Amino acid sequence: MKTLNETTQQSTRAGRYGKDFGGQYIPETLMTELEKVTKAFNDLKDNPEFKAELNDLLVNYANRPSLLYYAKNMTEDLGGAKIYLKREDLNHTGAHKINNVIGQALLAKHLGKKRLIAETGAGQHGVATATIAALMGMDCEIFMGKEDTDRQKLNVYRMELLGAKVHPVTSGSMVLKDAVNATLQEWASRSDDTFYVLGSAVGPAPFPEMVKHFQSVISTESKQQLQAKETRLPDMVVACVGGGSNAIGSFAAYIDDPSVQLVGVEAAGKGVEAAGKGVDTDRTAATIERGSVGIFHGMKSLFMQNEDGQIDPVYSISAGLDYPGVGPEHAALAQEGRAQYVGITDDEAVEAFTYIAKQEGIVAAIESCHAIAYVEKIAPQMAKDQIIICTLSGRGDKDVASIAKYKGVDVDE
């Protein structure tokens, strides 16, 4: 019997990016539901009443606009480009995930759904979904790889505190890709009253477009904020990339501005010298650098896979970045040369975790610290009159215990 991901329908041009990526590759049982979601999104995204409802929640619940913070200490220490941090970590629930979740939950409400389900890796998307479900009086169930529930116990408890049921997924590698599989299977079996709130810019159309639309508030704001502060565009925008939701939101308003360099930072693992893990081995999550074209989770994109098309295990210290694929628009941006994608190792990310804490008094998510580590490298190579915007996708409370353990320090969780 074919699995959910093997049973595919040939995609049309719907939701295509570039020459090769995107589309809808899903079982027939979900096509009708996807059509309903697509129609609702297209009908509502520009509807004045829907936009007003969304904006009210973003401003009065999620705490937007998020701060564009001039990192004076980092700028002076690194001695190159001026560094601004887009502070998504200051949003309600502590990450960028809330932007997209509010939008999708409103769609679910307009479709008459009573139950939200979601996958999560680091737990931030699960927390955001559980939060909105509580606010809107909806049932909520979260699917999370067993390995991730173990290393993100705090977020598991937060989700349960908010009233969600958390399902530890024990199939496969027990990480994010397996959580996505489980959530898709659940949605296929119960779509009548259930909406799948997909957390990253991945999956069958319209999810990549929908996530980009709701996350584009990040770059729409940063563009306006930097104009107010510096009366110009940035020279570079940097964001970490797993599936790619915070990055595509950070890039969106700048894609048509060719003077702005877009840099996505992937998880490269522990480095070649460390126990066979790193971007030059088979144990990495640097999908754009190492992946190949394939079909998985309802989309055509780049994936870490073997010659037979079977998805390979991936590795990262970050539960939010160890996804074996990347959103189809990121794949297209890389293919077209519009965006650059680079790898940062565990050690470099952990060093950046300490660096930004000591320099700016900010405890940032280990995901975001991959982007900070790249800024540490590139800023000194740039002129002092150049500007970098780096997105801090989330706060690092959830990571403190695991980073301490990584560094050999015992912390009572």
Protein backbone atom coordinates (compact mmCIF):
# COMPACT_ATOMS: atom_id res chain seq x y z
CA MET A 1 0.00 0.00 0.00
CA LYS A 2 1.27 3.46 -0.86
CA THR A 3 1.76 5.98 1.91
CA LEU A 4 0.06 9.34 2.00
CA ASN A 5 3.12 10.98 0.49
CA GLU A 6 3.51 8.39 -2.28
CA THR A 7 -0.09 8.58 -3.44
CA THR A 8 0.03 11.70 -5.59
CA GLN A 9 -2.05 13.62 -8.05
CA GLN A 10 -0.23 15.32 -10.95
CA SER A 11 0.06 19.01 -10.23
CA THR A 12 -1.32 21.79 -12.40
CA ARG A 13 0.35 25.20 -12.59
CA ALA A 14 -1.35 26.14 -9.32
CA GLY A 15 1.12 27.43 -6.78
CA ARG A 16 4.17 27.05 -9.03
CA TYR A 17 7.48 28.80 -8.41
CA GLY A 18 10.11 29.18 -11.10
CA LYS A 19 10.41 26.39 -13.63
CA ASP A 20 10.29 23.39 -11.34
CA PHE A 21 8.83 23.94 -7.90
CA GLY A 22 5.56 23.97 -5.97
CA GLY A 23 2.27 22.48 -7.13
CA GLN A 24 -0.10 20.02 -5.50
CA TYR A 25 0.92 16.37 -5.11
CA ILE A 26 -1.63 14.93 -2.74
CA PRO A 27 -4.13 12.08 -2.34
CA GLU A 28 -7.51 12.54 -3.96
CA THR A 29 -9.14 12.52 -0.52
CA LEU A 30 -7.63 15.94 0.20
CA MET A 31 -8.19 17.65 -3.17
CA THR A 32 -11.71 18.84 -2.37
CA GLU A 33 -10.61 20.25 0.97
CA LEU A 34 -7.60 21.98 -0.60
CA GLU A 35 -9.88 23.55 -3.19
CA LYS A 36 -12.06 24.93 -0.37
CA VAL A 37 -9.01 26.33 1.42
CA THR A 38 -7.70 27.86 -1.81
CA LYS A 39 -11.03 29.52 -2.60
CA ALA A 40 -11.40 30.86 0.95
CA PHE A 41 -7.87 32.27 0.91
CA ASN A 42 -8.27 33.91 -2.49
CA ASP A 43 -11.68 35.33 -1.56
CA LEU A 44 -10.65 36.64 1.85
CA LYS A 45 -7.03 37.77 1.64
CA ASP A 46 -7.96 41.14 0.08
CA ASN A 47 -11.40 41.40 1.69
CA PRO A 48 -11.54 44.64 3.73
CA GLU A 49 -13.42 43.05 6.65
CA PHE A 50 -11.05 40.08 6.82
CA LYS A 51 -8.00 42.36 6.61
CA ALA A 52 -9.39 44.56 9.38
CA GLU A 53 -10.03 41.51 11.59
CA LEU A 54 -6.53 40.17 10.90
CA ASN A 55 -4.88 43.54 11.54
CA ASP A 56 -6.79 44.02 14.79
CA LEU A 57 -5.45 40.72 16.13
CA LEU A 58 -1.92 41.41 14.89
CA VAL A 59 -1.83 44.81 16.59
CA ASN A 60 -3.91 44.24 19.71
CA TYR A 61 -3.10 40.59 20.43
CA ALA A 62 0.21 39.69 18.77
CA ASN A 63 1.91 43.01 19.65
CA ARG A 64 2.75 44.22 16.16
CA PRO A 65 4.52 46.01 14.66
CA SER A 66 7.58 44.25 16.01
CA LEU A 67 10.59 46.38 16.83
CA LEU A 68 13.34 47.10 14.28
CA TYR A 69 16.22 47.41 16.72
CA TYR A 70 19.59 49.00 15.94
CA ALA A 71 22.18 46.61 17.37
CA LYS A 72 24.71 49.30 18.28
CA ASN A 73 27.02 47.06 20.32
CA MET A 74 27.22 44.36 17.65
CA THR A 75 27.77 46.98 14.96
CA GLU A 76 30.63 48.59 16.86
CA ASP A 77 32.17 45.25 17.87
CA LEU A 78 32.11 43.77 14.36
CA GLY A 79 33.31 47.01 12.80
CA GLY A 80 31.47 46.89 9.48
CA ALA A 81 27.90 47.28 8.30
CA LYS A 82 25.19 48.73 10.54
CA ILE A 83 23.08 45.89 11.97
CA TYR A 84 19.35 46.09 12.58
CA LEU A 85 17.45 43.22 14.21
CA LYS A 86 13.80 42.58 13.32
CA ARG A 87 12.52 41.49 16.71
CA GLU A 88 9.94 38.75 16.00
CA ASP A 89 10.99 37.31 19.37
CA LEU A 90 8.97 40.13 20.97
CA ASN A 91 5.68 38.92 19.47
CA HIS A 92 3.09 37.29 21.72
CA THR A 93 4.15 33.61 22.12
CA GLY A 94 7.76 34.63 21.37
CA ALA A 95 8.17 33.95 17.66
CA HIS A 96 7.13 34.88 14.13
CA LYS A 97 4.78 31.88 14.03
CA ILE A 98 1.86 33.83 15.50
CA ASN A 99 1.54 35.97 12.32
CA ASN A 100 0.67 33.04 10.10
CA VAL A 101 -1.35 31.20 12.73
CA ILE A 102 -3.70 34.14 13.26
CA GLY A 103 -4.33 34.35 9.51
CA GLN A 104 -4.95 30.64 9.05
CA ALA A 105 -7.14 30.40 12.16
CA LEU A 106 -9.33 33.21 10.81
CA LEU A 107 -9.64 31.28 7.53
CA ALA A 108 -10.60 28.19 9.53
CA LYS A 109 -13.26 30.17 11.38
CA HIS A 110 -14.71 31.50 8.13
CA LEU A 111 -14.82 27.91 6.80
CA GLY A 112 -16.78 26.84 9.88
CA LYS A 113 -14.06 24.60 11.29
CA LYS A 114 -14.09 23.79 15.01
CA ARG A 115 -10.73 22.05 15.39
CA LEU A 116 -7.15 23.07 14.57
CA ILE A 117 -4.29 20.64 14.06
CA ALA A 118 -0.65 21.45 13.45
CA GLU A 119 2.84 20.02 13.22
CA THR A 120 5.72 21.53 15.15
CA GLY A 121 9.47 21.07 15.48
CA ALA A 122 10.93 23.46 18.03
CA GLY A 123 7.44 23.92 19.43
CA GLN A 124 6.92 27.60 18.63
CA HIS A 125 4.34 26.92 15.90
CA GLY A 126 2.55 24.46 18.16
CA VAL A 127 2.45 27.02 20.97
CA ALA A 128 1.11 29.70 18.61
CA THR A 129 -1.59 27.36 17.26
CA ALA A 130 -2.61 26.29 20.77
CA THR A 131 -2.73 29.96 21.78
CA ILE A 132 -5.10 30.98 18.99
CA ALA A 133 -7.25 27.88 19.51
CA ALA A 134 -7.66 28.90 23.15
CA LEU A 135 -8.53 32.48 22.15
CA MET A 136 -11.09 31.36 19.58
CA GLY A 137 -12.57 28.52 21.62
CA MET A 138 -11.46 25.79 19.20
CA ASP A 139 -10.15 22.29 19.89
CA CYS A 140 -6.46 21.82 19.17
CA GLU A 141 -4.14 18.86 18.64
CA ILE A 142 -0.41 19.15 17.92
CA PHE A 143 1.84 16.52 16.34
CA MET A 144 5.49 16.66 17.36
CA GLY A 145 8.35 14.21 16.81
CA LYS A 146 9.19 12.24 19.95
CA GLU A 147 12.82 13.41 19.76
CA ASP A 148 11.63 17.01 19.64
CA THR A 149 9.23 16.56 22.57
CA ASP A 150 12.21 15.37 24.59
CA ARG A 151 14.44 18.34 23.75
CA GLN A 152 11.64 20.94 23.87
CA LYS A 153 9.83 19.88 27.06
CA LEU A 154 9.06 23.47 28.03
CA ASN A 155 7.10 24.11 24.83
CA VAL A 156 5.25 20.80 25.20
CA TYR A 157 4.09 21.92 28.63
CA ARG A 158 3.12 25.34 27.29
CA MET A 159 0.92 23.72 24.61
CA GLU A 160 -0.76 21.48 27.17
CA LEU A 161 -1.24 24.44 29.50
CA LEU A 162 -3.07 26.21 26.68
CA GLY A 163 -5.45 23.26 26.33
CA ALA A 164 -3.92 21.45 23.36
CA LYS A 165 -3.34 17.72 23.13
CA VAL A 166 0.24 16.93 22.10
CA HIS A 167 0.91 13.71 20.17
CA PRO A 168 4.55 12.53 20.29
CA VAL A 169 5.22 10.98 16.86
CA THR A 170 7.31 7.81 17.11
CA SER A 171 7.51 6.88 13.41
CA GLY A 172 10.53 7.49 11.19
CA SER A 173 13.25 9.64 12.72
CA MET A 174 10.73 11.07 15.22
CA VAL A 175 11.40 14.67 14.15
CA LEU A 176 9.66 17.42 12.16
CA LYS A 177 9.15 15.58 8.87
CA ASP A 178 7.43 12.76 10.74
CA ALA A 179 5.22 15.26 12.55
CA VAL A 180 4.17 16.68 9.16
CA ASN A 181 3.35 13.16 7.92
CA ALA A 182 1.21 12.47 10.97
CA THR A 183 -0.64 15.77 10.70
CA LEU A 184 -1.38 15.26 7.00
CA GLN A 185 -2.72 11.78 7.76
CA GLU A 186 -4.93 13.17 10.52
CA TRP A 187 -6.26 15.89 8.20
CA ALA A 188 -7.01 13.36 5.46
CA SER A 189 -9.01 11.26 7.93
CA ARG A 190 -10.95 14.16 9.44
CA SER A 191 -11.24 17.25 7.27
CA ASP A 192 -14.94 17.89 7.80
CA ASP A 193 -14.46 19.89 11.03
CA THR A 194 -10.67 20.25 11.04
CA PHE A 195 -8.24 22.80 9.59
CA TYR A 196 -4.54 22.02 9.21
CA VAL A 197 -2.59 25.11 10.28
CA LEU A 198 0.66 24.42 8.40
CA GLY A 199 3.52 26.26 10.06
CA SER A 200 6.11 26.68 7.33
CA ALA A 201 6.17 27.82 3.71
CA VAL A 202 5.92 24.21 2.50
CA GLY A 203 3.29 21.69 1.43
CA PRO A 204 0.80 21.66 -1.43
CA ALA A 205 -0.56 24.91 -2.84
CA PRO A 206 -1.97 27.17 -1.48
CA PHE A 207 0.01 26.70 1.76
CA PRO A 208 3.38 28.18 0.61
CA GLU A 209 1.61 31.24 -0.82
CA MET A 210 -0.65 31.53 2.21
CA VAL A 211 2.20 31.35 4.73
CA LYS A 212 4.19 33.91 2.73
CA HIS A 213 1.17 36.22 2.61
CA PHE A 214 0.65 36.16 6.36
CA GLN A 215 4.38 36.32 7.18
CA SER A 216 5.09 39.14 4.70
CA VAL A 217 4.11 41.55 7.48
CA ILE A 218 7.72 41.09 8.71
CA SER A 219 9.31 42.67 5.63
CA THR A 220 6.48 45.13 4.98
CA GLU A 221 7.14 46.54 8.44
CA SER A 222 10.94 46.42 8.27
CA LYS A 223 10.92 48.26 4.94
CA GLN A 224 8.79 51.06 6.37
CA GLN A 225 10.73 51.15 9.64
CA LEU A 226 14.14 51.37 7.97
CA GLN A 227 12.89 54.11 5.65
CA ALA A 228 11.84 56.06 8.75
CA LYS A 229 15.23 55.51 10.44
CA GLU A 230 17.66 55.64 7.51
CA THR A 231 15.54 56.85 4.51
CA ARG A 232 16.83 53.95 2.41
CA LEU A 233 16.61 50.23 1.73
CA PRO A 234 18.91 47.73 3.46
CA ASP A 235 21.83 46.28 1.54
CA MET A 236 21.18 42.79 2.91
CA VAL A 237 18.38 40.87 4.63
CA VAL A 238 19.37 37.74 6.56
CA ALA A 239 17.11 35.06 8.07
CA CYS A 240 17.43 31.42 9.10
CA VAL A 241 15.81 28.75 6.90
CA GLY A 242 14.37 25.36 7.78
CA GLY A 243 11.15 25.05 5.81
CA GLY A 244 11.46 28.79 5.37
CA SER A 245 8.49 30.72 6.82
CA ASN A 246 10.31 33.51 8.67
CA ALA A 247 12.77 33.88 5.80
CA ILE A 248 10.14 34.16 3.07
CA GLY A 249 8.30 36.68 5.24
CA SER A 250 11.54 38.60 5.77
CA PHE A 251 12.31 38.57 2.03
CA ALA A 252 8.82 39.18 0.58
CA ALA A 253 8.78 42.97 0.36
CA TYR A 254 12.34 43.06 -1.04
CA ILE A 255 12.19 40.38 -3.73
CA ASP A 256 11.48 43.00 -6.39
CA ASP A 257 14.28 45.27 -5.11
CA PRO A 258 17.41 43.88 -6.81
CA SER A 259 19.72 46.12 -4.79
CA VAL A 260 18.81 44.19 -1.62
CA GLN A 261 20.80 40.97 -1.17
CA LEU A 262 18.71 38.16 0.33
CA VAL A 263 20.51 35.53 2.42
CA GLY A 264 18.93 32.43 3.90
CA VAL A 265 20.95 30.57 6.53
CA GLU A 266 20.56 26.79 6.78
CA ALA A 267 21.71 24.37 9.47
CA ALA A 268 24.98 22.75 8.44
CA GLY A 269 25.33 20.42 11.43
CA LYS A 270 28.43 19.92 13.59
CA GLY A 271 31.15 20.34 10.99
CA VAL A 272 33.14 17.72 9.15
CA GLU A 273 35.62 17.15 11.96
CA ALA A 274 32.93 16.34 14.56
CA ALA A 275 31.75 12.73 14.52
CA GLY A 276 30.92 12.69 10.83
CA LYS A 277 28.31 15.42 10.94
CA GLY A 278 28.27 18.51 8.78
CA VAL A 279 27.43 20.00 5.42
CA ASP A 280 30.00 17.81 3.63
CA THR A 281 28.56 14.59 5.05
CA ASP A 282 25.17 12.88 4.93
CA ARG A 283 24.28 14.34 8.34
CA THR A 284 23.20 17.93 7.71
CA ALA A 285 20.07 20.00 7.13
CA ALA A 286 21.55 22.28 4.45
CA THR A 287 18.91 21.33 1.88
CA ILE A 288 19.54 23.97 -0.78
CA GLU A 289 23.28 23.27 -0.81
CA ARG A 290 23.00 19.49 -0.67
CA GLY A 291 19.46 18.56 -1.76
CA SER A 292 17.98 17.49 -5.08
CA VAL A 293 14.61 17.93 -6.76
CA GLY A 294 11.90 15.62 -5.52
CA ILE A 295 8.30 15.37 -4.37
CA PHE A 296 7.40 15.12 -0.69
CA HIS A 297 4.75 16.54 1.64
CA GLY A 298 2.58 17.53 -1.31
CA MET A 299 5.10 19.72 -3.14
CA LYS A 300 7.91 19.60 -5.66
CA SER A 301 11.00 21.17 -4.15
CA LEU A 302 14.54 20.39 -2.99
CA PHE A 303 14.95 17.55 -0.49
CA MET A 304 17.65 15.58 1.23
CA GLN A 305 17.13 12.20 -0.41
CA ASN A 306 18.97 9.18 -1.74
CA GLU A 307 19.26 8.04 -5.34
CA ASP A 308 15.97 6.15 -5.02
CA GLY A 309 14.11 9.25 -3.89
CA GLN A 310 13.77 8.11 -0.28
CA ILE A 311 14.04 10.96 2.23
CA ASP A 312 17.32 10.91 4.16
CA PRO A 313 17.63 11.66 7.88
CA VAL A 314 18.83 15.20 8.59
CA TYR A 315 20.57 16.65 11.59
CA SER A 316 20.71 19.99 13.41
CA ILE A 317 21.05 21.14 16.99
CA SER A 318 17.89 23.10 16.22
CA ALA A 319 14.58 21.24 16.25
CA GLY A 320 13.13 24.00 14.08
CA LEU A 321 15.70 23.65 11.28
CA ASP A 322 16.05 19.87 10.91
CA TYR A 323 13.51 19.55 8.10
CA PRO A 324 14.72 17.54 5.08
CA GLY A 325 13.28 19.95 2.52
CA VAL A 326 12.72 23.62 1.89
CA GLY A 327 9.76 25.71 0.72
CA PRO A 328 9.32 25.75 -3.08
CA GLU A 329 9.73 29.52 -3.39
CA HIS A 330 13.10 29.35 -1.62
CA ALA A 331 14.13 26.61 -4.06
CA ALA A 332 13.11 28.86 -6.95
CA LEU A 333 14.87 31.93 -5.50
CA ALA A 334 18.05 29.87 -5.18
CA GLN A 335 17.71 28.44 -8.69
CA GLU A 336 17.20 31.91 -10.14
CA GLY A 337 20.07 33.41 -8.13
CA ARG A 338 17.81 35.97 -6.47
CA ALA A 339 18.69 34.71 -2.99
CA GLN A 340 21.85 33.13 -1.57
CA TYR A 341 21.72 30.25 0.92
CA VAL A 342 24.61 29.45 3.26
CA GLY A 343 25.26 26.88 5.97
CA ILE A 344 26.13 27.53 9.63
CA THR A 345 27.35 24.76 11.95
CA ASP A 346 26.06 23.89 15.42
CA ASP A 347 29.21 25.26 17.02
CA GLU A 348 28.89 28.57 15.16
CA ALA A 349 25.22 28.89 16.13
CA VAL A 350 25.95 28.13 19.79
CA GLU A 351 28.73 30.73 19.78
CA ALA A 352 26.27 33.25 18.30
CA PHE A 353 23.74 32.34 21.02
CA THR A 354 26.29 33.49 23.60
CA TYR A 355 27.51 36.42 21.51
CA ILE A 356 24.17 38.17 21.04
CA ALA A 357 23.27 37.60 24.69
CA LYS A 358 26.48 39.26 25.89
CA GLN A 359 26.54 42.02 23.26
CA GLU A 360 22.88 43.04 23.16
CA GLY A 361 21.23 41.41 26.17
CA ILE A 362 19.03 39.26 23.92
CA VAL A 363 18.51 35.52 24.41
CA ALA A 364 17.58 34.49 20.86
CA ALA A 365 16.30 31.17 19.56
CA ILE A 366 19.02 28.80 18.38
CA GLU A 367 17.32 28.88 14.96
CA SER A 368 17.80 32.66 14.80
CA CYS A 369 21.38 32.32 16.02
CA HIS A 370 22.27 30.57 12.77
CA ALA A 371 21.43 33.89 11.07
CA ILE A 372 23.32 35.88 13.71
CA ALA A 373 26.39 33.70 13.15
CA TYR A 374 26.35 34.59 9.45
CA VAL A 375 26.00 38.29 10.29
CA GLU A 376 29.09 37.94 12.50
CA LYS A 377 30.97 36.68 9.45
CA ILE A 378 29.68 39.05 6.79
CA ALA A 379 29.28 42.39 8.59
CA PRO A 380 33.05 43.02 9.01
CA GLN A 381 33.47 42.51 5.24
CA MET A 382 30.96 45.26 4.45
CA ALA A 383 31.35 49.03 4.48
CA LYS A 384 30.28 51.09 7.49
CA ASP A 385 27.62 52.87 5.42
CA GLN A 386 25.96 49.57 4.47
CA ILE A 387 23.01 48.10 6.37
CA ILE A 388 22.00 44.55 7.30
CA ILE A 389 18.57 43.58 8.61
CA CYS A 390 18.66 40.22 10.43
CA THR A 391 15.41 38.63 11.57
CA LEU A 392 15.32 37.21 15.09
CA SER A 393 12.61 34.65 14.43
CA GLY A 394 12.08 33.74 18.07
CA ARG A 395 13.28 33.97 21.64
CA GLY A 396 15.65 31.45 23.15
CA ASP A 397 14.08 30.54 26.50
CA LYS A 398 13.19 27.14 25.05
CA ASP A 399 16.84 26.50 24.13
CA VAL A 400 18.68 27.53 27.29
CA ALA A 401 18.74 24.08 28.89
CA SER A 402 19.78 22.26 25.71
CA ILE A 403 22.51 24.80 24.90
CA ALA A 404 23.81 24.56 28.46
CA LYS A 405 23.92 20.77 28.10
CA TYR A 406 25.72 21.14 24.75
CA LYS A 407 28.35 23.22 26.53
CA GLY A 408 28.65 20.74 29.41
CA VAL A 409 26.71 22.78 31.98
CA ASP A 410 24.03 21.14 34.14
CA VAL A 411 20.81 23.15 34.29
CA ASP A 412 17.74 22.12 36.24
CA GLU A 413 15.00 22.33 33.61
